[in-house]
Amino acid sequence: MENEIIKINQLLVKRFGVPSRNSNLPNPLDMLIATILSQNTNDRNSYQAYKKLKTKFPAWTDAAEATRSQIEKEIKVAGLGNQKSKAIKNVLSFLQKKNAKISLDFILSLENNSAIEELTKFDGVGVKTASCVLLFSLDRNICPIDTHVHRTLNRIGLVKTKTPDKTFFAVNKDFPEKIAHSFHTNLIRLGREICRPQNPKCSICPLIKICKYQDKNLTEAIQSKSNEFMLLDNVS
């Protein structure tokens, strides 16, 4: 699988380029909360919710003292306000009680599997959210798997898995060094712009020659306008 991942990454970079990212990585708690906000919505709405939350509560200690409904009011643009505000409040309250300091610095010294195990103890935080913290905040060479990436990797034939979490553990078992950010980000772009759930644009896919998807849509397609904004590369 390692060589196949490298080949896929090369083809994606040839099409989309090497994704840019912030030179200063955000702290893990900022990233965790931003990723919670990103669930089941688009990047621009979740980014707007994140900025509103940070403006209202400049320090997470402020948010920890707020009520859940106060948090929900600030993040409603991201949708699922009740669910997401509850998850955020639970994280902040737990950290305040456990450490007397609202911080995730304790995961810095943990290896990947242990860090994911710790983060997924929070209600509302799954493997995908935890792995985003590791990649985008700690620069670990680990590839988060969302629905776009899960769908695309199964269509290509790299894996045959039923859920994103199963895809995650299969792909990250022996992941090639130093390409996780590029691989993950470009696969999301591919899934949004080309390898869509319905009517994928297979005729313009950079992976068409290696893709094993049997129901390819080979009708002539036009590349849609690219939306390169990625929430987790803009968290600060």
Protein backbone atom coordinates (compact mmCIF):
# COMPACT_ATOMS: atom_id res chain seq x y z
CA MET A 1 0.00 0.00 0.00
CA GLU A 2 2.88 2.38 0.72
CA ASN A 3 3.97 2.55 -2.93
CA GLU A 4 0.37 3.04 -4.07
CA ILE A 5 -0.06 5.97 -1.67
CA ILE A 6 3.13 7.56 -2.99
CA LYS A 7 1.91 7.18 -6.58
CA ILE A 8 -1.50 8.66 -5.78
CA ASN A 9 0.16 11.57 -3.99
CA GLN A 10 2.41 12.26 -6.98
CA LEU A 11 -0.53 12.37 -9.36
CA LEU A 12 -2.54 14.63 -7.06
CA VAL A 13 0.38 17.03 -6.60
CA LYS A 14 0.82 17.15 -10.38
CA ARG A 15 -2.83 18.23 -10.72
CA PHE A 16 -3.39 20.38 -7.63
CA GLY A 17 0.11 21.32 -6.49
CA VAL A 18 1.58 21.08 -3.00
CA PRO A 19 -1.02 22.48 -0.58
CA SER A 20 0.02 25.58 1.33
CA ARG A 21 -0.28 25.77 5.09
CA ASN A 22 0.41 28.14 7.95
CA SER A 23 4.06 28.33 8.95
CA ASN A 24 2.98 28.79 12.57
CA LEU A 25 0.96 25.78 13.66
CA PRO A 26 -1.98 26.46 16.01
CA ASN A 27 -2.12 25.01 19.48
CA PRO A 28 -3.91 21.66 19.82
CA LEU A 29 -6.94 23.00 21.71
CA ASP A 30 -7.63 25.65 19.07
CA MET A 31 -7.42 22.95 16.42
CA LEU A 32 -9.67 20.55 18.34
CA ILE A 33 -12.42 23.14 18.72
CA ALA A 34 -12.11 24.29 15.11
CA THR A 35 -12.41 20.68 13.95
CA ILE A 36 -15.50 20.10 16.09
CA LEU A 37 -17.02 23.15 14.40
CA SER A 38 -16.14 21.78 10.96
CA GLN A 39 -18.30 18.69 11.34
CA ASN A 40 -21.15 18.46 8.81
CA THR A 41 -20.71 21.93 7.33
CA ASN A 42 -18.49 23.74 4.85
CA ASP A 43 -15.14 25.27 5.69
CA ARG A 44 -16.21 28.90 5.36
CA ASN A 45 -19.16 28.56 7.73
CA SER A 46 -17.11 26.69 10.31
CA TYR A 47 -14.29 29.25 10.03
CA GLN A 48 -16.78 32.07 10.58
CA ALA A 49 -18.12 30.27 13.65
CA TYR A 50 -14.59 29.73 14.97
CA LYS A 51 -13.68 33.40 14.56
CA LYS A 52 -16.91 34.53 16.24
CA LEU A 53 -16.26 32.20 19.15
CA LYS A 54 -12.68 33.43 19.58
CA THR A 55 -13.78 37.07 19.34
CA LYS A 56 -16.43 36.58 22.02
CA PHE A 57 -14.15 34.46 24.23
CA PRO A 58 -10.50 35.48 23.59
CA ALA A 59 -9.29 32.89 26.11
CA TRP A 60 -10.70 29.40 26.47
CA THR A 61 -11.02 30.05 30.20
CA ASP A 62 -13.65 32.63 29.24
CA ALA A 63 -15.55 30.09 27.17
CA ALA A 64 -15.30 27.55 29.99
CA GLU A 65 -17.13 29.98 32.28
CA ALA A 66 -19.83 30.64 29.67
CA THR A 67 -23.05 28.68 29.46
CA ARG A 68 -23.58 26.17 26.69
CA SER A 69 -26.30 28.41 25.20
CA GLN A 70 -23.87 31.35 25.08
CA ILE A 71 -21.42 29.22 23.13
CA GLU A 72 -24.19 27.98 20.87
CA LYS A 73 -25.21 31.55 20.02
CA GLU A 74 -21.73 32.32 18.66
CA ILE A 75 -21.35 29.18 16.56
CA LYS A 76 -24.83 28.82 15.08
CA VAL A 77 -23.59 29.63 11.55
CA ALA A 78 -21.79 26.27 11.55
CA GLY A 79 -25.01 24.33 12.17
CA LEU A 80 -25.71 21.64 14.77
CA GLY A 81 -25.24 24.32 17.41
CA ASN A 82 -26.67 22.29 20.28
CA GLN A 83 -24.47 19.28 19.54
CA LYS A 84 -21.29 21.25 18.90
CA SER A 85 -21.69 23.64 21.84
CA LYS A 86 -22.18 20.65 24.13
CA ALA A 87 -19.01 18.99 22.81
CA ILE A 88 -16.98 22.18 23.20
CA LYS A 89 -18.30 22.81 26.70
CA ASN A 90 -17.52 19.22 27.71
CA VAL A 91 -13.92 19.50 26.48
CA LEU A 92 -13.29 22.78 28.27
CA SER A 93 -14.93 21.70 31.52
CA PHE A 94 -13.05 18.41 31.58
CA LEU A 95 -9.68 20.07 31.00
CA GLN A 96 -10.38 22.69 33.65
CA LYS A 97 -11.20 20.04 36.24
CA LYS A 98 -8.43 17.62 35.27
CA ASN A 99 -5.48 19.95 34.86
CA ALA A 100 -6.50 23.22 36.49
CA LYS A 101 -5.33 24.56 33.15
CA ILE A 102 -7.34 24.53 29.95
CA SER A 103 -4.79 23.04 27.61
CA LEU A 104 -4.04 19.95 25.53
CA ASP A 105 -0.30 20.25 26.00
CA PHE A 106 -0.27 16.86 27.69
CA ILE A 107 -0.70 15.14 24.30
CA LEU A 108 2.55 16.63 22.94
CA SER A 109 4.63 13.83 24.41
CA LEU A 110 2.25 11.03 23.41
CA GLU A 111 2.75 8.84 20.36
CA ASN A 112 -0.01 8.93 17.77
CA ASN A 113 -2.20 6.05 18.92
CA SER A 114 -2.07 7.16 22.55
CA ALA A 115 -2.90 10.76 21.60
CA ILE A 116 -5.89 9.62 19.56
CA GLU A 117 -7.04 7.41 22.43
CA GLU A 118 -6.90 10.36 24.83
CA LEU A 119 -8.67 12.78 22.50
CA THR A 120 -11.47 10.39 21.61
CA LYS A 121 -12.38 10.11 25.29
CA PHE A 122 -14.15 13.45 24.85
CA ASP A 123 -17.81 13.19 23.86
CA GLY A 124 -18.21 14.44 20.30
CA VAL A 125 -14.60 13.76 19.33
CA GLY A 126 -14.03 10.85 16.97
CA VAL A 127 -10.96 9.43 15.26
CA LYS A 128 -11.18 11.86 12.34
CA THR A 129 -11.31 14.90 14.62
CA ALA A 130 -8.48 13.60 16.80
CA SER A 131 -6.26 12.84 13.82
CA CYS A 132 -6.86 16.34 12.44
CA VAL A 133 -5.41 17.73 15.66
CA LEU A 134 -2.31 15.59 15.20
CA LEU A 135 -1.77 16.50 11.55
CA PHE A 136 -2.70 20.18 11.49
CA SER A 137 -1.49 21.20 14.94
CA LEU A 138 1.35 18.84 15.79
CA ASP A 139 2.52 18.18 12.20
CA ARG A 140 2.41 14.43 12.73
CA ASN A 141 2.63 12.33 9.57
CA ILE A 142 -0.88 10.98 9.95
CA CYS A 143 -3.72 11.12 7.42
CA PRO A 144 -7.22 11.97 8.72
CA ILE A 145 -10.05 10.23 6.87
CA ASP A 146 -13.29 12.10 6.29
CA THR A 147 -16.18 11.01 4.08
CA HIS A 148 -14.58 12.43 0.92
CA VAL A 149 -11.28 10.64 1.50
CA HIS A 150 -13.01 7.41 2.54
CA ARG A 151 -15.18 7.38 -0.58
CA THR A 152 -12.31 8.22 -2.91
CA LEU A 153 -9.85 5.67 -1.54
CA ASN A 154 -12.46 2.93 -1.80
CA ARG A 155 -13.33 3.90 -5.37
CA ILE A 156 -9.67 3.95 -6.35
CA GLY A 157 -9.28 0.50 -4.85
CA LEU A 158 -6.60 1.34 -2.30
CA VAL A 159 -8.84 -0.09 0.43
CA LYS A 160 -12.08 -2.01 0.74
CA THR A 161 -13.54 -0.69 3.95
CA LYS A 162 -17.00 0.09 5.24
CA THR A 163 -16.35 3.14 7.42
CA PRO A 164 -13.96 6.12 7.54
CA ASP A 165 -12.47 4.85 10.81
CA LYS A 166 -11.63 1.48 9.25
CA THR A 167 -10.08 3.29 6.30
CA PHE A 168 -8.06 5.41 8.72
CA PHE A 169 -6.45 2.46 10.48
CA ALA A 170 -5.80 0.61 7.22
CA VAL A 171 -4.13 3.58 5.51
CA ASN A 172 -2.12 4.80 8.49
CA LYS A 173 -0.62 1.45 9.39
CA ASP A 174 2.52 2.16 7.35
CA PHE A 175 2.06 5.63 5.93
CA PRO A 176 4.89 7.05 3.78
CA GLU A 177 6.93 9.74 5.48
CA LYS A 178 6.31 13.48 5.08
CA ILE A 179 3.35 13.43 2.68
CA ALA A 180 0.30 13.11 4.97
CA HIS A 181 -0.73 16.77 4.71
CA SER A 182 -0.41 16.84 0.94
CA PHE A 183 -2.15 13.49 0.48
CA HIS A 184 -5.04 14.33 2.80
CA THR A 185 -5.66 17.86 1.55
CA ASN A 186 -5.49 17.02 -2.15
CA LEU A 187 -7.77 14.01 -1.70
CA ILE A 188 -10.36 16.30 -0.12
CA ARG A 189 -10.11 18.61 -3.11
CA LEU A 190 -10.44 15.64 -5.43
CA GLY A 191 -13.53 14.42 -3.56
CA ARG A 192 -15.18 17.85 -3.59
CA GLU A 193 -14.41 18.83 -7.17
CA ILE A 194 -14.10 15.61 -9.17
CA CYS A 195 -14.76 12.35 -7.30
CA ARG A 196 -18.17 13.50 -6.09
CA PRO A 197 -20.72 11.16 -4.47
CA GLN A 198 -23.02 11.45 -7.50
CA ASN A 199 -21.91 11.87 -11.11
CA PRO A 200 -18.16 11.88 -10.52
CA LYS A 201 -16.15 13.65 -13.22
CA CYS A 202 -14.03 10.64 -14.07
CA SER A 203 -12.99 11.95 -17.49
CA ILE A 204 -10.90 14.72 -15.90
CA CYS A 205 -9.67 12.79 -12.86
CA PRO A 206 -5.88 12.69 -12.44
CA LEU A 207 -6.20 9.16 -11.03
CA ILE A 208 -8.26 7.68 -13.87
CA LYS A 209 -5.48 5.37 -15.10
CA ILE A 210 -5.00 3.72 -11.72
CA CYS A 211 -8.57 3.92 -10.42
CA LYS A 212 -10.42 0.60 -10.16
CA TYR A 213 -13.91 2.11 -9.90
CA GLN A 214 -16.06 0.10 -12.32
CA ASP A 215 -18.90 2.60 -12.79
CA LYS A 216 -16.80 5.44 -14.16
CA ASN A 217 -18.67 8.40 -15.57
CA LEU A 218 -16.71 9.09 -18.76
CA THR A 219 -18.96 11.76 -20.21
CA GLU A 220 -17.08 14.94 -21.03
CA ALA A 221 -16.74 17.07 -17.93
CA ILE A 222 -15.54 20.57 -17.15
CA GLN A 223 -13.37 21.28 -14.15
CA SER A 224 -15.45 23.29 -11.70
CA LYS A 225 -14.07 26.44 -10.14
CA SER A 226 -11.71 25.45 -7.38
CA ASN A 227 -12.39 26.45 -3.79
CA GLU A 228 -8.98 26.16 -2.19
CA PHE A 229 -9.95 27.50 1.24
CA MET A 230 -9.27 24.85 3.85
CA LEU A 231 -10.41 25.61 7.36
CA LEU A 232 -7.79 23.67 9.28
CA ASP A 233 -4.91 25.32 7.45
CA ASN A 234 -6.27 28.73 8.47
CA VAL A 235 -6.82 28.22 12.19
CA SER A 236 -4.72 30.54 14.29
